[in-house]
Amino acid sequence: MTTFRDLPTFLPEDLQKVERRIVVARMIQAIQHLDSEVFSAHDLINTPFLKKLTKVMVVARYLSLLCKMGYVELLFKESRGPSFYRRNPKIFNIQIK
């Protein structure tokens, strides 16, 4: 399994706009694909689930890194209702700069 320590901590400076769009698009596809699957309690102990969970973590780390570098902006849904709903913001859209 890949851990966060195994990942490079930076992206190349010469990453072009088109390449950035491809990288981000692939990350978004990976998140959507993994998020669309529903796992049962039995799946929690299976290796494929752990691999998928690791992939989600890897994608999330890279996506947050792209946000910090200014390549991507996360747009959140405006929460309505009691304050406890605001504690778990949902990503509405991922904007590529």
N, C-alpha and C. Protein backbone atom coordinates (compact mmCIF):
# COMPACT_ATOMS: atom_id res chain seq x y z
N MET A 1 0.83 -1.19 0.00
CA MET A 1 0.00 0.00 0.00
C MET A 1 0.88 1.25 0.00
N THR A 2 0.44 2.24 -0.71
CA THR A 2 1.17 3.51 -0.76
C THR A 2 0.79 4.35 0.45
N THR A 3 1.79 4.88 1.10
CA THR A 3 1.52 5.78 2.22
C THR A 3 1.86 7.20 1.78
N PHE A 4 1.44 8.17 2.57
CA PHE A 4 1.70 9.56 2.21
C PHE A 4 3.19 9.86 2.18
N ARG A 5 3.97 9.16 3.01
CA ARG A 5 5.42 9.38 3.03
C ARG A 5 6.08 8.99 1.71
N ASP A 6 5.47 8.04 0.99
CA ASP A 6 6.03 7.59 -0.29
C ASP A 6 5.79 8.59 -1.41
N LEU A 7 4.89 9.54 -1.20
CA LEU A 7 4.54 10.47 -2.26
C LEU A 7 5.49 11.65 -2.30
N PRO A 8 5.73 12.19 -3.50
CA PRO A 8 6.54 13.42 -3.56
C PRO A 8 5.76 14.56 -2.89
N THR A 9 6.48 15.46 -2.27
CA THR A 9 5.80 16.54 -1.53
C THR A 9 5.60 17.78 -2.38
N PHE A 10 5.93 17.73 -3.66
CA PHE A 10 5.75 18.90 -4.51
C PHE A 10 5.40 18.45 -5.92
N LEU A 11 4.84 19.36 -6.68
CA LEU A 11 4.59 19.13 -8.10
C LEU A 11 5.61 19.95 -8.88
N PRO A 12 6.00 19.51 -10.08
CA PRO A 12 6.98 20.27 -10.87
C PRO A 12 6.51 21.69 -11.14
N GLU A 13 7.46 22.64 -11.09
CA GLU A 13 7.09 24.04 -11.33
C GLU A 13 6.66 24.28 -12.76
N ASP A 14 7.17 23.47 -13.68
CA ASP A 14 6.86 23.68 -15.10
C ASP A 14 5.58 22.99 -15.54
N LEU A 15 4.73 22.64 -14.55
CA LEU A 15 3.45 22.01 -14.88
C LEU A 15 2.60 23.01 -15.65
N GLN A 16 2.31 22.69 -16.91
CA GLN A 16 1.56 23.62 -17.76
C GLN A 16 0.08 23.57 -17.43
N LYS A 17 -0.64 24.60 -17.91
CA LYS A 17 -2.07 24.72 -17.60
C LYS A 17 -2.85 23.50 -18.09
N VAL A 18 -2.56 23.03 -19.29
CA VAL A 18 -3.27 21.88 -19.85
C VAL A 18 -2.98 20.63 -19.03
N GLU A 19 -1.71 20.45 -18.66
CA GLU A 19 -1.34 19.29 -17.85
C GLU A 19 -2.02 19.35 -16.48
N ARG A 20 -2.11 20.56 -15.92
CA ARG A 20 -2.79 20.71 -14.63
C ARG A 20 -4.24 20.29 -14.74
N ARG A 21 -4.89 20.72 -15.83
CA ARG A 21 -6.30 20.37 -16.03
C ARG A 21 -6.47 18.85 -16.11
N ILE A 22 -5.56 18.18 -16.81
CA ILE A 22 -5.63 16.72 -16.95
C ILE A 22 -5.44 16.06 -15.58
N VAL A 23 -4.43 16.52 -14.84
CA VAL A 23 -4.15 15.96 -13.52
C VAL A 23 -5.35 16.12 -12.60
N VAL A 24 -5.90 17.34 -12.56
CA VAL A 24 -7.04 17.62 -11.68
C VAL A 24 -8.26 16.83 -12.13
N ALA A 25 -8.50 16.77 -13.44
CA ALA A 25 -9.65 16.02 -13.95
C ALA A 25 -9.56 14.55 -13.56
N ARG A 26 -8.36 13.98 -13.64
CA ARG A 26 -8.18 12.58 -13.24
C ARG A 26 -8.42 12.39 -11.75
N MET A 27 -7.99 13.36 -10.95
CA MET A 27 -8.22 13.27 -9.51
C MET A 27 -9.71 13.32 -9.21
N ILE A 28 -10.41 14.24 -9.88
CA ILE A 28 -11.85 14.37 -9.66
C ILE A 28 -12.56 13.08 -10.06
N GLN A 29 -12.15 12.50 -11.21
CA GLN A 29 -12.75 11.24 -11.66
C GLN A 29 -12.51 10.14 -10.63
N ALA A 30 -11.29 10.10 -10.09
CA ALA A 30 -10.96 9.08 -9.09
C ALA A 30 -11.83 9.24 -7.85
N ILE A 31 -11.99 10.48 -7.40
CA ILE A 31 -12.82 10.73 -6.21
C ILE A 31 -14.27 10.32 -6.48
N GLN A 32 -14.79 10.73 -7.64
CA GLN A 32 -16.19 10.41 -7.96
C GLN A 32 -16.39 8.91 -8.08
N HIS A 33 -15.44 8.22 -8.70
CA HIS A 33 -15.56 6.78 -8.89
C HIS A 33 -15.56 6.06 -7.54
N LEU A 34 -14.62 6.45 -6.67
CA LEU A 34 -14.51 5.78 -5.38
C LEU A 34 -15.67 6.14 -4.46
N ASP A 35 -16.16 7.37 -4.59
CA ASP A 35 -17.25 7.82 -3.73
C ASP A 35 -18.58 7.19 -4.13
N SER A 36 -18.70 6.78 -5.39
CA SER A 36 -19.98 6.25 -5.88
C SER A 36 -20.25 4.83 -5.38
N GLU A 37 -19.22 4.16 -4.90
CA GLU A 37 -19.40 2.79 -4.44
C GLU A 37 -19.79 2.78 -2.97
N VAL A 38 -20.74 1.94 -2.65
CA VAL A 38 -21.19 1.82 -1.26
C VAL A 38 -20.62 0.51 -0.70
N PHE A 39 -19.99 0.60 0.45
CA PHE A 39 -19.36 -0.57 1.04
C PHE A 39 -20.15 -1.07 2.23
N SER A 40 -20.24 -2.37 2.36
CA SER A 40 -20.91 -2.96 3.53
C SER A 40 -19.87 -3.15 4.64
N ALA A 41 -20.34 -3.53 5.81
CA ALA A 41 -19.43 -3.75 6.94
C ALA A 41 -18.45 -4.87 6.62
N HIS A 42 -18.88 -5.86 5.83
CA HIS A 42 -17.99 -6.97 5.47
C HIS A 42 -16.83 -6.48 4.62
N ASP A 43 -17.09 -5.48 3.77
CA ASP A 43 -16.04 -4.95 2.90
C ASP A 43 -14.94 -4.22 3.68
N LEU A 44 -15.27 -3.77 4.88
CA LEU A 44 -14.29 -3.02 5.65
C LEU A 44 -13.04 -3.84 5.97
N ILE A 45 -13.20 -5.16 6.10
CA ILE A 45 -12.05 -5.98 6.45
C ILE A 45 -11.35 -6.56 5.23
N ASN A 46 -11.90 -6.33 4.04
CA ASN A 46 -11.29 -6.84 2.82
C ASN A 46 -10.18 -5.92 2.33
N THR A 47 -9.17 -6.50 1.74
CA THR A 47 -8.04 -5.72 1.23
C THR A 47 -8.45 -4.72 0.16
N PRO A 48 -9.33 -5.07 -0.80
CA PRO A 48 -9.69 -4.07 -1.82
C PRO A 48 -10.24 -2.78 -1.23
N PHE A 49 -11.01 -2.89 -0.15
CA PHE A 49 -11.54 -1.68 0.48
C PHE A 49 -10.41 -0.82 1.02
N LEU A 50 -9.44 -1.46 1.68
CA LEU A 50 -8.32 -0.70 2.24
C LEU A 50 -7.52 -0.04 1.13
N LYS A 51 -7.36 -0.74 0.00
CA LYS A 51 -6.64 -0.15 -1.13
C LYS A 51 -7.38 1.07 -1.65
N LYS A 52 -8.70 0.97 -1.76
CA LYS A 52 -9.50 2.09 -2.26
C LYS A 52 -9.46 3.25 -1.28
N LEU A 53 -9.49 2.94 0.00
CA LEU A 53 -9.42 3.99 1.02
C LEU A 53 -8.08 4.72 0.91
N THR A 54 -7.01 3.96 0.68
CA THR A 54 -5.69 4.56 0.52
C THR A 54 -5.66 5.46 -0.71
N LYS A 55 -6.29 5.00 -1.81
CA LYS A 55 -6.34 5.82 -3.02
C LYS A 55 -7.07 7.13 -2.77
N VAL A 56 -8.15 7.07 -2.03
CA VAL A 56 -8.91 8.29 -1.71
C VAL A 56 -8.02 9.25 -0.92
N MET A 57 -7.27 8.72 0.04
CA MET A 57 -6.39 9.57 0.85
C MET A 57 -5.31 10.21 -0.01
N VAL A 58 -4.74 9.43 -0.94
CA VAL A 58 -3.69 9.94 -1.83
C VAL A 58 -4.25 11.06 -2.70
N VAL A 59 -5.42 10.83 -3.29
CA VAL A 59 -6.05 11.83 -4.15
C VAL A 59 -6.38 13.08 -3.34
N ALA A 60 -6.89 12.90 -2.14
CA ALA A 60 -7.24 14.04 -1.29
C ALA A 60 -6.00 14.87 -0.94
N ARG A 61 -4.89 14.20 -0.67
CA ARG A 61 -3.64 14.91 -0.34
C ARG A 61 -3.17 15.74 -1.53
N TYR A 62 -3.18 15.13 -2.72
CA TYR A 62 -2.75 15.87 -3.91
C TYR A 62 -3.69 17.02 -4.21
N LEU A 63 -4.98 16.81 -4.03
CA LEU A 63 -5.96 17.87 -4.30
C LEU A 63 -5.75 19.03 -3.33
N SER A 64 -5.50 18.73 -2.06
CA SER A 64 -5.24 19.81 -1.10
C SER A 64 -3.93 20.51 -1.41
N LEU A 65 -2.95 19.77 -1.93
CA LEU A 65 -1.68 20.37 -2.33
C LEU A 65 -1.88 21.32 -3.51
N LEU A 66 -2.70 20.90 -4.48
CA LEU A 66 -3.00 21.77 -5.62
C LEU A 66 -3.71 23.04 -5.16
N CYS A 67 -4.57 22.91 -4.15
CA CYS A 67 -5.26 24.09 -3.59
C CYS A 67 -4.25 25.05 -2.96
N LYS A 68 -3.32 24.50 -2.19
CA LYS A 68 -2.32 25.34 -1.54
C LYS A 68 -1.43 26.05 -2.55
N MET A 69 -1.16 25.37 -3.68
CA MET A 69 -0.31 25.96 -4.72
C MET A 69 -1.08 26.95 -5.59
N GLY A 70 -2.39 27.02 -5.41
CA GLY A 70 -3.18 27.99 -6.15
C GLY A 70 -3.67 27.51 -7.50
N TYR A 71 -3.53 26.23 -7.79
CA TYR A 71 -3.98 25.70 -9.09
C TYR A 71 -5.47 25.40 -9.09
N VAL A 72 -6.02 25.15 -7.92
CA VAL A 72 -7.40 24.69 -7.81
C VAL A 72 -8.10 25.44 -6.68
N GLU A 73 -9.39 25.67 -6.84
CA GLU A 73 -10.19 26.29 -5.79
C GLU A 73 -11.40 25.40 -5.53
N LEU A 74 -11.65 25.09 -4.28
CA LEU A 74 -12.80 24.28 -3.92
C LEU A 74 -13.97 25.20 -3.57
N LEU A 75 -15.09 24.99 -4.22
CA LEU A 75 -16.28 25.78 -3.95
C LEU A 75 -17.23 24.92 -3.13
N PHE A 76 -17.64 25.41 -1.96
CA PHE A 76 -18.48 24.63 -1.06
C PHE A 76 -19.94 25.03 -1.18
N LYS A 77 -20.81 24.08 -0.93
CA LYS A 77 -22.25 24.37 -0.89
C LYS A 77 -22.50 25.27 0.31
N GLU A 78 -23.36 26.25 0.11
CA GLU A 78 -23.70 27.12 1.23
C GLU A 78 -24.66 26.35 2.13
N SER A 79 -24.26 26.17 3.37
CA SER A 79 -25.08 25.37 4.27
C SER A 79 -26.22 26.22 4.83
N ARG A 80 -27.36 25.59 4.93
CA ARG A 80 -28.53 26.25 5.51
C ARG A 80 -29.02 25.40 6.67
N GLY A 81 -29.64 26.04 7.60
CA GLY A 81 -30.16 25.29 8.74
C GLY A 81 -29.32 25.49 9.98
N PRO A 82 -29.49 24.60 10.96
CA PRO A 82 -28.78 24.72 12.24
C PRO A 82 -27.26 24.67 12.06
N SER A 83 -26.55 25.19 13.04
CA SER A 83 -25.09 25.31 12.94
C SER A 83 -24.39 23.97 12.82
N PHE A 84 -24.98 22.87 13.31
CA PHE A 84 -24.28 21.58 13.21
C PHE A 84 -24.17 21.11 11.77
N TYR A 85 -25.01 21.63 10.87
CA TYR A 85 -24.88 21.30 9.45
C TYR A 85 -23.65 21.96 8.84
N ARG A 86 -23.24 23.07 9.40
CA ARG A 86 -22.12 23.82 8.83
C ARG A 86 -20.78 23.19 9.17
N ARG A 87 -20.76 22.24 10.07
CA ARG A 87 -19.49 21.62 10.46
C ARG A 87 -18.96 20.65 9.41
N ASN A 88 -19.84 20.14 8.56
CA ASN A 88 -19.43 19.20 7.51
C ASN A 88 -19.75 19.79 6.15
N PRO A 89 -18.91 20.74 5.68
CA PRO A 89 -19.21 21.35 4.38
C PRO A 89 -19.04 20.35 3.25
N LYS A 90 -19.92 20.41 2.27
CA LYS A 90 -19.84 19.53 1.11
C LYS A 90 -19.27 20.31 -0.05
N ILE A 91 -18.36 19.68 -0.80
CA ILE A 91 -17.76 20.35 -1.95
C ILE A 91 -18.81 20.41 -3.06
N PHE A 92 -19.08 21.61 -3.52
CA PHE A 92 -20.06 21.83 -4.59
C PHE A 92 -19.39 21.71 -5.95
N ASN A 93 -18.20 22.27 -6.08
CA ASN A 93 -17.52 22.26 -7.37
C ASN A 93 -16.02 22.42 -7.13
N ILE A 94 -15.24 21.92 -8.07
CA ILE A 94 -13.79 22.09 -8.02
C ILE A 94 -13.40 22.92 -9.24
N GLN A 95 -12.96 24.15 -9.00
CA GLN A 95 -12.65 25.08 -10.08
C GLN A 95 -11.17 25.03 -10.38
N ILE A 96 -10.82 24.85 -11.67
CA ILE A 96 -9.42 24.85 -12.09
C ILE A 96 -9.05 26.27 -12.49
N LYS A 97 -7.97 26.80 -11.92
CA LYS A 97 -7.57 28.19 -12.22
C LYS A 97 -6.67 28.23 -13.44
